[in-house]
N, C-alpha and C. Protein backbone atom coordinates (compact mmCIF):
# COMPACT_ATOMS: atom_id res chain seq x y z
N MET A 1 -7.23 -16.99 1.96
CA MET A 1 -6.42 -16.22 2.87
C MET A 1 -6.44 -14.73 2.51
N GLU A 2 -6.62 -14.45 1.24
CA GLU A 2 -6.65 -13.06 0.78
C GLU A 2 -7.78 -12.28 1.47
N ALA A 3 -8.94 -12.90 1.61
CA ALA A 3 -10.07 -12.24 2.28
C ALA A 3 -9.74 -11.94 3.74
N PHE A 4 -9.02 -12.85 4.37
CA PHE A 4 -8.59 -12.65 5.76
C PHE A 4 -7.68 -11.42 5.84
N PHE A 5 -6.72 -11.32 4.93
CA PHE A 5 -5.81 -10.18 4.94
C PHE A 5 -6.54 -8.87 4.68
N VAL A 6 -7.52 -8.88 3.81
CA VAL A 6 -8.32 -7.68 3.55
C VAL A 6 -9.05 -7.25 4.83
N GLN A 7 -9.63 -8.23 5.53
CA GLN A 7 -10.33 -7.94 6.79
C GLN A 7 -9.37 -7.35 7.82
N VAL A 8 -8.20 -7.96 7.97
CA VAL A 8 -7.21 -7.49 8.94
C VAL A 8 -6.73 -6.09 8.58
N ASP A 9 -6.47 -5.86 7.31
CA ASP A 9 -6.00 -4.54 6.88
C ASP A 9 -7.05 -3.46 7.11
N ALA A 10 -8.32 -3.81 6.93
CA ALA A 10 -9.40 -2.85 7.19
C ALA A 10 -9.47 -2.50 8.67
N LEU A 11 -9.35 -3.51 9.52
CA LEU A 11 -9.34 -3.27 10.97
C LEU A 11 -8.12 -2.45 11.37
N GLN A 12 -6.99 -2.73 10.73
CA GLN A 12 -5.76 -1.98 10.99
C GLN A 12 -5.98 -0.51 10.65
N ALA A 13 -6.58 -0.25 9.52
CA ALA A 13 -6.85 1.13 9.09
C ALA A 13 -7.78 1.84 10.07
N ASP A 14 -8.68 1.08 10.70
CA ASP A 14 -9.60 1.64 11.69
C ASP A 14 -8.98 1.71 13.09
N LYS A 15 -7.71 1.33 13.19
CA LYS A 15 -6.96 1.35 14.45
C LYS A 15 -7.56 0.42 15.51
N GLU A 16 -8.09 -0.69 15.05
CA GLU A 16 -8.62 -1.72 15.94
C GLU A 16 -7.49 -2.71 16.25
N PHE A 17 -6.44 -2.21 16.90
CA PHE A 17 -5.21 -2.96 17.05
C PHE A 17 -5.35 -4.25 17.86
N ALA A 18 -6.14 -4.21 18.92
CA ALA A 18 -6.31 -5.42 19.74
C ALA A 18 -7.02 -6.51 18.93
N LYS A 19 -8.04 -6.14 18.17
CA LYS A 19 -8.76 -7.11 17.34
C LYS A 19 -7.83 -7.69 16.27
N VAL A 20 -7.05 -6.82 15.65
CA VAL A 20 -6.11 -7.26 14.61
C VAL A 20 -5.14 -8.27 15.20
N HIS A 21 -4.58 -7.94 16.35
CA HIS A 21 -3.59 -8.81 16.97
C HIS A 21 -4.19 -10.18 17.31
N LYS A 22 -5.38 -10.17 17.85
CA LYS A 22 -6.05 -11.43 18.21
C LYS A 22 -6.31 -12.28 16.97
N LEU A 23 -6.84 -11.67 15.92
CA LEU A 23 -7.11 -12.41 14.69
C LEU A 23 -5.82 -13.02 14.12
N LEU A 24 -4.77 -12.22 14.09
CA LEU A 24 -3.50 -12.69 13.53
C LEU A 24 -2.88 -13.79 14.40
N GLU A 25 -2.94 -13.62 15.71
CA GLU A 25 -2.42 -14.67 16.59
C GLU A 25 -3.16 -15.97 16.39
N ASP A 26 -4.48 -15.90 16.33
CA ASP A 26 -5.30 -17.11 16.13
C ASP A 26 -4.95 -17.78 14.80
N GLN A 27 -4.82 -16.99 13.76
CA GLN A 27 -4.49 -17.53 12.44
C GLN A 27 -3.09 -18.14 12.44
N HIS A 28 -2.17 -17.51 13.14
CA HIS A 28 -0.80 -18.03 13.23
C HIS A 28 -0.79 -19.38 13.95
N LYS A 29 -1.56 -19.50 15.01
CA LYS A 29 -1.65 -20.78 15.74
C LYS A 29 -2.23 -21.87 14.84
N LYS A 30 -3.26 -21.53 14.08
CA LYS A 30 -3.85 -22.49 13.14
C LYS A 30 -2.82 -22.92 12.10
N SER A 31 -2.08 -21.97 11.60
CA SER A 31 -1.06 -22.25 10.60
C SER A 31 0.03 -23.16 11.17
N GLN A 32 0.43 -22.91 12.39
CA GLN A 32 1.45 -23.74 13.03
C GLN A 32 0.94 -25.17 13.23
N ARG A 33 -0.32 -25.30 13.64
CA ARG A 33 -0.89 -26.65 13.82
C ARG A 33 -0.95 -27.38 12.49
N ARG A 34 -1.37 -26.67 11.44
CA ARG A 34 -1.45 -27.26 10.10
C ARG A 34 -0.06 -27.71 9.63
N GLN A 35 0.93 -26.89 9.87
CA GLN A 35 2.30 -27.25 9.48
C GLN A 35 2.80 -28.46 10.25
N ALA A 36 2.45 -28.53 11.52
CA ALA A 36 2.87 -29.67 12.33
C ALA A 36 2.21 -30.96 11.85
N GLN A 37 0.94 -30.86 11.47
CA GLN A 37 0.22 -32.04 10.99
C GLN A 37 0.74 -32.53 9.65
N THR A 38 1.13 -31.60 8.81
CA THR A 38 1.61 -31.97 7.47
C THR A 38 3.13 -32.00 7.39
N ARG A 39 3.76 -31.78 8.54
CA ARG A 39 5.23 -31.74 8.62
C ARG A 39 5.83 -30.72 7.65
N GLY A 40 5.14 -29.61 7.52
CA GLY A 40 5.65 -28.51 6.71
C GLY A 40 5.39 -28.62 5.22
N SER A 41 4.93 -29.79 4.76
CA SER A 41 4.69 -29.91 3.32
C SER A 41 3.44 -29.12 2.93
N GLY A 42 3.50 -28.53 1.79
CA GLY A 42 2.35 -27.76 1.31
C GLY A 42 2.23 -26.38 1.92
N THR A 43 3.24 -25.98 2.69
CA THR A 43 3.20 -24.66 3.31
C THR A 43 3.40 -23.59 2.25
N ASN A 44 2.51 -22.61 2.22
CA ASN A 44 2.62 -21.50 1.30
C ASN A 44 3.47 -20.42 1.98
N LYS A 45 4.73 -20.35 1.60
CA LYS A 45 5.68 -19.43 2.24
C LYS A 45 5.28 -17.97 2.06
N LYS A 46 4.69 -17.64 0.92
CA LYS A 46 4.29 -16.25 0.68
C LYS A 46 3.16 -15.84 1.62
N GLU A 47 2.17 -16.73 1.80
CA GLU A 47 1.09 -16.44 2.73
C GLU A 47 1.60 -16.38 4.16
N GLU A 48 2.52 -17.27 4.48
CA GLU A 48 3.10 -17.28 5.83
C GLU A 48 3.82 -15.96 6.10
N ALA A 49 4.59 -15.49 5.13
CA ALA A 49 5.30 -14.22 5.29
C ALA A 49 4.31 -13.06 5.44
N GLU A 50 3.24 -13.08 4.65
CA GLU A 50 2.22 -12.03 4.75
C GLU A 50 1.59 -12.00 6.15
N LEU A 51 1.31 -13.17 6.68
CA LEU A 51 0.74 -13.27 8.02
C LEU A 51 1.73 -12.77 9.06
N LEU A 52 2.98 -13.20 8.94
CA LEU A 52 3.98 -12.88 9.95
C LEU A 52 4.35 -11.39 9.98
N TRP A 53 4.46 -10.74 8.81
CA TRP A 53 4.80 -9.32 8.88
C TRP A 53 3.64 -8.51 9.46
N ARG A 54 2.41 -8.94 9.18
CA ARG A 54 1.27 -8.26 9.79
C ARG A 54 1.26 -8.47 11.30
N LEU A 55 1.64 -9.67 11.72
CA LEU A 55 1.71 -9.97 13.15
C LEU A 55 2.81 -9.13 13.81
N ALA A 56 3.94 -8.96 13.13
CA ALA A 56 5.01 -8.10 13.65
C ALA A 56 4.50 -6.67 13.82
N ARG A 57 3.80 -6.19 12.81
CA ARG A 57 3.26 -4.83 12.87
C ARG A 57 2.25 -4.70 14.02
N SER A 58 1.44 -5.71 14.20
CA SER A 58 0.43 -5.63 15.26
C SER A 58 1.09 -5.64 16.64
N CYS A 59 2.22 -6.31 16.77
CA CYS A 59 2.94 -6.29 18.05
C CYS A 59 3.41 -4.87 18.36
N LEU A 60 3.91 -4.18 17.35
CA LEU A 60 4.32 -2.79 17.55
C LEU A 60 3.12 -1.92 17.93
N ASP A 61 2.01 -2.16 17.26
CA ASP A 61 0.80 -1.37 17.56
C ASP A 61 0.32 -1.58 18.98
N ILE A 62 0.29 -2.82 19.43
CA ILE A 62 -0.21 -3.06 20.79
C ILE A 62 0.81 -2.67 21.85
N SER A 63 2.07 -2.52 21.45
CA SER A 63 3.09 -2.11 22.43
C SER A 63 2.80 -0.72 22.98
N THR A 64 2.05 0.07 22.24
CA THR A 64 1.74 1.43 22.68
C THR A 64 0.48 1.49 23.56
N GLU A 65 -0.22 0.36 23.70
CA GLU A 65 -1.45 0.37 24.49
C GLU A 65 -1.19 0.61 25.97
N LYS A 66 -0.07 0.12 26.46
CA LYS A 66 0.28 0.31 27.87
C LYS A 66 1.69 0.89 27.95
N PRO A 67 1.84 2.14 27.52
CA PRO A 67 3.19 2.72 27.41
C PRO A 67 3.92 2.85 28.73
N THR A 68 3.20 2.87 29.84
CA THR A 68 3.86 3.03 31.14
C THR A 68 4.28 1.69 31.74
N VAL A 69 3.84 0.60 31.15
CA VAL A 69 4.22 -0.72 31.65
C VAL A 69 5.41 -1.20 30.82
N LYS A 70 6.60 -1.02 31.38
CA LYS A 70 7.83 -1.25 30.63
C LYS A 70 7.91 -2.67 30.07
N ASP A 71 7.62 -3.68 30.87
CA ASP A 71 7.74 -5.06 30.40
C ASP A 71 6.74 -5.38 29.29
N TRP A 72 5.55 -4.80 29.36
CA TRP A 72 4.53 -5.01 28.32
C TRP A 72 5.08 -4.55 26.97
N ARG A 73 5.56 -3.33 26.96
CA ARG A 73 6.08 -2.73 25.72
C ARG A 73 7.29 -3.52 25.20
N LYS A 74 8.22 -3.82 26.10
CA LYS A 74 9.43 -4.55 25.71
C LYS A 74 9.08 -5.92 25.13
N ASN A 75 8.21 -6.65 25.80
CA ASN A 75 7.83 -7.99 25.34
C ASN A 75 7.12 -7.94 23.99
N ALA A 76 6.24 -6.97 23.81
CA ALA A 76 5.52 -6.85 22.53
C ALA A 76 6.49 -6.53 21.40
N ILE A 77 7.45 -5.66 21.66
CA ILE A 77 8.42 -5.29 20.63
C ILE A 77 9.33 -6.47 20.30
N LEU A 78 9.78 -7.20 21.31
CA LEU A 78 10.63 -8.37 21.06
C LEU A 78 9.87 -9.45 20.30
N GLN A 79 8.61 -9.63 20.64
CA GLN A 79 7.79 -10.60 19.92
C GLN A 79 7.62 -10.16 18.46
N GLY A 80 7.41 -8.88 18.25
CA GLY A 80 7.30 -8.34 16.90
C GLY A 80 8.57 -8.54 16.10
N LEU A 81 9.70 -8.35 16.74
CA LEU A 81 10.99 -8.56 16.08
C LEU A 81 11.14 -10.01 15.63
N ALA A 82 10.75 -10.93 16.50
CA ALA A 82 10.83 -12.36 16.16
C ALA A 82 9.93 -12.69 14.98
N PHE A 83 8.73 -12.13 14.96
CA PHE A 83 7.82 -12.37 13.84
C PHE A 83 8.35 -11.76 12.55
N ALA A 84 8.94 -10.57 12.63
CA ALA A 84 9.50 -9.92 11.44
C ALA A 84 10.65 -10.74 10.86
N GLU A 85 11.50 -11.26 11.73
CA GLU A 85 12.61 -12.10 11.27
C GLU A 85 12.09 -13.38 10.63
N GLU A 86 11.07 -13.96 11.25
CA GLU A 86 10.46 -15.19 10.71
C GLU A 86 9.83 -14.92 9.34
N ALA A 87 9.20 -13.76 9.20
CA ALA A 87 8.58 -13.40 7.92
C ALA A 87 9.63 -13.28 6.83
N LEU A 88 10.74 -12.67 7.16
CA LEU A 88 11.81 -12.51 6.18
C LEU A 88 12.41 -13.85 5.79
N GLU A 89 12.53 -14.77 6.76
CA GLU A 89 13.02 -16.11 6.46
C GLU A 89 12.04 -16.86 5.56
N ALA A 90 10.76 -16.65 5.79
CA ALA A 90 9.74 -17.36 5.01
C ALA A 90 9.73 -16.91 3.55
N ASP A 91 9.97 -15.62 3.32
CA ASP A 91 9.94 -15.11 1.95
C ASP A 91 10.86 -13.90 1.85
N GLU A 92 12.11 -14.16 1.51
CA GLU A 92 13.11 -13.10 1.43
C GLU A 92 12.79 -12.07 0.35
N GLU A 93 11.97 -12.45 -0.62
CA GLU A 93 11.66 -11.55 -1.72
C GLU A 93 10.44 -10.67 -1.46
N ASN A 94 9.77 -10.89 -0.34
CA ASN A 94 8.59 -10.09 -0.01
C ASN A 94 9.05 -8.70 0.39
N CYS A 95 8.67 -7.70 -0.39
CA CYS A 95 9.15 -6.35 -0.19
C CYS A 95 8.60 -5.70 1.09
N THR A 96 7.62 -6.31 1.73
CA THR A 96 7.06 -5.75 2.95
C THR A 96 7.77 -6.28 4.19
N CYS A 97 8.35 -7.46 4.11
CA CYS A 97 8.99 -8.07 5.28
C CYS A 97 10.21 -7.30 5.75
N SER A 98 11.06 -6.91 4.83
CA SER A 98 12.30 -6.23 5.20
C SER A 98 12.05 -4.88 5.88
N PRO A 99 11.20 -4.02 5.32
CA PRO A 99 10.91 -2.77 6.02
C PRO A 99 10.27 -3.00 7.39
N GLN A 100 9.44 -4.02 7.51
CA GLN A 100 8.80 -4.28 8.79
C GLN A 100 9.86 -4.64 9.83
N LEU A 101 10.86 -5.40 9.43
CA LEU A 101 11.96 -5.73 10.34
C LEU A 101 12.69 -4.45 10.75
N ASN A 102 12.92 -3.56 9.81
CA ASN A 102 13.59 -2.29 10.14
C ASN A 102 12.77 -1.45 11.10
N PHE A 103 11.46 -1.38 10.89
CA PHE A 103 10.60 -0.61 11.79
C PHE A 103 10.60 -1.19 13.19
N THR A 104 10.65 -2.51 13.26
CA THR A 104 10.62 -3.17 14.56
C THR A 104 11.91 -2.91 15.32
N ILE A 105 13.02 -2.90 14.62
CA ILE A 105 14.33 -2.68 15.26
C ILE A 105 14.45 -1.25 15.76
N THR A 106 13.98 -0.29 14.99
CA THR A 106 14.15 1.12 15.37
C THR A 106 13.10 1.51 16.31
């Protein structure tokens, strides 16, 4: 998973926000399916939190792609807020989750 995060962070640095969001969404769906199959056992909460805060950040990034479409921006920000809250629940000690929640709210 570390290699995946390195790839996503590199794309983020290059401002490839749509690609980042798609990769993170796909990975999140895979993670959810895996959790459903194993009924949550063996879930790595730290990796889940890392994925979710990046997904929250990507929602904020894509919210600016269509700034004149009010519902697009609002929905992306609300989705980002939900991911940030989920990340914090997954790993309360992750120092990146809490600031991401604050950025999403403001």
